[in-house]
Amino acid sequence: MKDVLRRLWCEDEGQDIAEYAVMLAVILVIVVGTIRLIGTNANNVFSSVASSIQ
């Protein structure tokens, strides 16, 4: 059992997967935040244009 744990602790392959997962999570947070910000601003612009047309 100690040998298995030692091999898991020393192997570097699992760290690559974790790094990619963290990078993906950060990118997703940035994209979702940007889309929400642009969506809110676009909604305000369309609302003001619609009210000025009427």
N, C-alpha and C. Protein backbone atom coordinates (compact mmCIF):
# COMPACT_ATOMS: atom_id res chain seq x y z
N MET A 1 0.83 -1.19 0.00
CA MET A 1 0.00 0.00 0.00
C MET A 1 0.88 1.26 0.00
N LYS A 2 1.97 1.22 0.75
CA LYS A 2 2.87 2.37 0.77
C LYS A 2 3.47 2.65 -0.59
N ASP A 3 3.79 1.57 -1.33
CA ASP A 3 4.37 1.74 -2.66
C ASP A 3 3.39 2.41 -3.61
N VAL A 4 2.13 2.03 -3.52
CA VAL A 4 1.11 2.63 -4.39
C VAL A 4 0.97 4.12 -4.08
N LEU A 5 0.89 4.46 -2.81
CA LEU A 5 0.76 5.86 -2.43
C LEU A 5 2.00 6.66 -2.82
N ARG A 6 3.16 6.06 -2.67
CA ARG A 6 4.39 6.76 -3.04
C ARG A 6 4.43 7.03 -4.54
N ARG A 7 4.01 6.05 -5.35
CA ARG A 7 4.00 6.24 -6.81
C ARG A 7 2.99 7.31 -7.21
N LEU A 8 1.82 7.29 -6.58
CA LEU A 8 0.82 8.32 -6.89
C LEU A 8 1.32 9.71 -6.52
N TRP A 9 2.04 9.81 -5.40
CA TRP A 9 2.54 11.10 -4.94
C TRP A 9 3.65 11.63 -5.83
N CYS A 10 4.48 10.73 -6.37
CA CYS A 10 5.65 11.14 -7.15
C CYS A 10 5.38 11.32 -8.63
N GLU A 11 4.30 10.74 -9.15
CA GLU A 11 4.03 10.86 -10.58
C GLU A 11 3.58 12.27 -10.93
N ASP A 12 4.03 12.77 -12.07
CA ASP A 12 3.71 14.13 -12.50
C ASP A 12 2.55 14.19 -13.48
N GLU A 13 2.10 13.06 -13.98
CA GLU A 13 1.06 13.06 -15.00
C GLU A 13 -0.26 13.60 -14.47
N GLY A 14 -0.61 13.29 -13.26
CA GLY A 14 -1.86 13.77 -12.68
C GLY A 14 -1.87 15.27 -12.48
N GLN A 15 -0.72 15.86 -12.28
CA GLN A 15 -0.66 17.30 -12.09
C GLN A 15 -1.01 18.03 -13.36
N ASP A 16 -0.66 17.49 -14.51
CA ASP A 16 -1.00 18.13 -15.78
C ASP A 16 -2.51 18.24 -15.94
N ILE A 17 -3.22 17.19 -15.61
CA ILE A 17 -4.67 17.19 -15.74
C ILE A 17 -5.28 18.22 -14.79
N ALA A 18 -4.77 18.30 -13.58
CA ALA A 18 -5.29 19.27 -12.63
C ALA A 18 -5.02 20.70 -13.09
N GLU A 19 -3.86 20.93 -13.68
CA GLU A 19 -3.55 22.27 -14.17
C GLU A 19 -4.48 22.66 -15.31
N TYR A 20 -4.75 21.73 -16.21
CA TYR A 20 -5.68 22.02 -17.30
C TYR A 20 -7.09 22.29 -16.76
N ALA A 21 -7.50 21.55 -15.75
CA ALA A 21 -8.82 21.76 -15.17
C ALA A 21 -8.92 23.14 -14.53
N VAL A 22 -7.88 23.58 -13.85
CA VAL A 22 -7.89 24.91 -13.24
C VAL A 22 -7.91 25.99 -14.32
N MET A 23 -7.11 25.82 -15.37
CA MET A 23 -7.11 26.80 -16.45
C MET A 23 -8.47 26.87 -17.13
N LEU A 24 -9.11 25.73 -17.35
CA LEU A 24 -10.42 25.71 -17.96
C LEU A 24 -11.45 26.41 -17.07
N ALA A 25 -11.37 26.19 -15.77
CA ALA A 25 -12.31 26.83 -14.85
C ALA A 25 -12.13 28.35 -14.86
N VAL A 26 -10.89 28.82 -14.89
CA VAL A 26 -10.63 30.27 -14.92
C VAL A 26 -11.15 30.87 -16.22
N ILE A 27 -10.90 30.20 -17.33
CA ILE A 27 -11.38 30.70 -18.62
C ILE A 27 -12.90 30.75 -18.65
N LEU A 28 -13.55 29.72 -18.12
CA LEU A 28 -15.01 29.70 -18.09
C LEU A 28 -15.57 30.83 -17.24
N VAL A 29 -14.96 31.11 -16.11
CA VAL A 29 -15.42 32.20 -15.25
C VAL A 29 -15.30 33.54 -15.98
N ILE A 30 -14.18 33.74 -16.68
CA ILE A 30 -13.97 34.99 -17.42
C ILE A 30 -14.99 35.12 -18.54
N VAL A 31 -15.22 34.04 -19.28
CA VAL A 31 -16.17 34.09 -20.40
C VAL A 31 -17.59 34.34 -19.91
N VAL A 32 -18.00 33.64 -18.88
CA VAL A 32 -19.36 33.81 -18.36
C VAL A 32 -19.54 35.22 -17.81
N GLY A 33 -18.55 35.73 -17.10
CA GLY A 33 -18.64 37.10 -16.58
C GLY A 33 -18.71 38.13 -17.69
N THR A 34 -17.94 37.94 -18.74
CA THR A 34 -17.96 38.87 -19.87
C THR A 34 -19.30 38.82 -20.59
N ILE A 35 -19.83 37.64 -20.79
CA ILE A 35 -21.12 37.51 -21.47
C ILE A 35 -22.22 38.16 -20.64
N ARG A 36 -22.19 37.98 -19.33
CA ARG A 36 -23.21 38.60 -18.49
C ARG A 36 -23.10 40.12 -18.52
N LEU A 37 -21.88 40.63 -18.50
CA LEU A 37 -21.68 42.08 -18.55
C LEU A 37 -22.14 42.66 -19.87
N ILE A 38 -21.75 42.03 -20.97
CA ILE A 38 -22.16 42.51 -22.29
C ILE A 38 -23.67 42.37 -22.47
N GLY A 39 -24.22 41.28 -21.98
CA GLY A 39 -25.67 41.07 -22.10
C GLY A 39 -26.46 42.13 -21.37
N THR A 40 -26.03 42.49 -20.18
CA THR A 40 -26.72 43.53 -19.41
C THR A 40 -26.61 44.89 -20.10
N ASN A 41 -25.42 45.22 -20.56
CA ASN A 41 -25.23 46.50 -21.24
C ASN A 41 -26.00 46.54 -22.56
N ALA A 42 -26.02 45.46 -23.30
CA ALA A 42 -26.76 45.41 -24.56
C ALA A 42 -28.25 45.55 -24.31
N ASN A 43 -28.75 44.95 -23.26
CA ASN A 43 -30.17 45.06 -22.92
C ASN A 43 -30.51 46.52 -22.60
N ASN A 44 -29.65 47.20 -21.87
CA ASN A 44 -29.90 48.61 -21.55
C ASN A 44 -29.89 49.47 -22.80
N VAL A 45 -28.98 49.22 -23.71
CA VAL A 45 -28.90 49.99 -24.95
C VAL A 45 -30.15 49.76 -25.80
N PHE A 46 -30.54 48.52 -25.96
CA PHE A 46 -31.74 48.23 -26.76
C PHE A 46 -32.98 48.84 -26.13
N SER A 47 -33.07 48.82 -24.81
CA SER A 47 -34.21 49.41 -24.13
C SER A 47 -34.26 50.92 -24.35
N SER A 48 -33.13 51.59 -24.25
CA SER A 48 -33.12 53.04 -24.46
C SER A 48 -33.40 53.41 -25.90
N VAL A 49 -32.92 52.62 -26.85
CA VAL A 49 -33.21 52.89 -28.26
C VAL A 49 -34.70 52.66 -28.53
N ALA A 50 -35.26 51.61 -27.98
CA ALA A 50 -36.68 51.33 -28.19
C ALA A 50 -37.57 52.42 -27.59
N SER A 51 -37.19 52.93 -26.44
CA SER A 51 -38.01 53.98 -25.82
C SER A 51 -37.87 55.31 -26.55
N SER A 52 -36.70 55.56 -27.15
CA SER A 52 -36.53 56.80 -27.90
C SER A 52 -37.24 56.76 -29.24
N ILE A 53 -37.43 55.58 -29.80
CA ILE A 53 -38.15 55.45 -31.08
C ILE A 53 -39.64 55.72 -30.87
N GLN A 54 -40.18 55.26 -29.79
CA GLN A 54 -41.61 55.46 -29.53
C GLN A 54 -41.81 56.87 -29.12
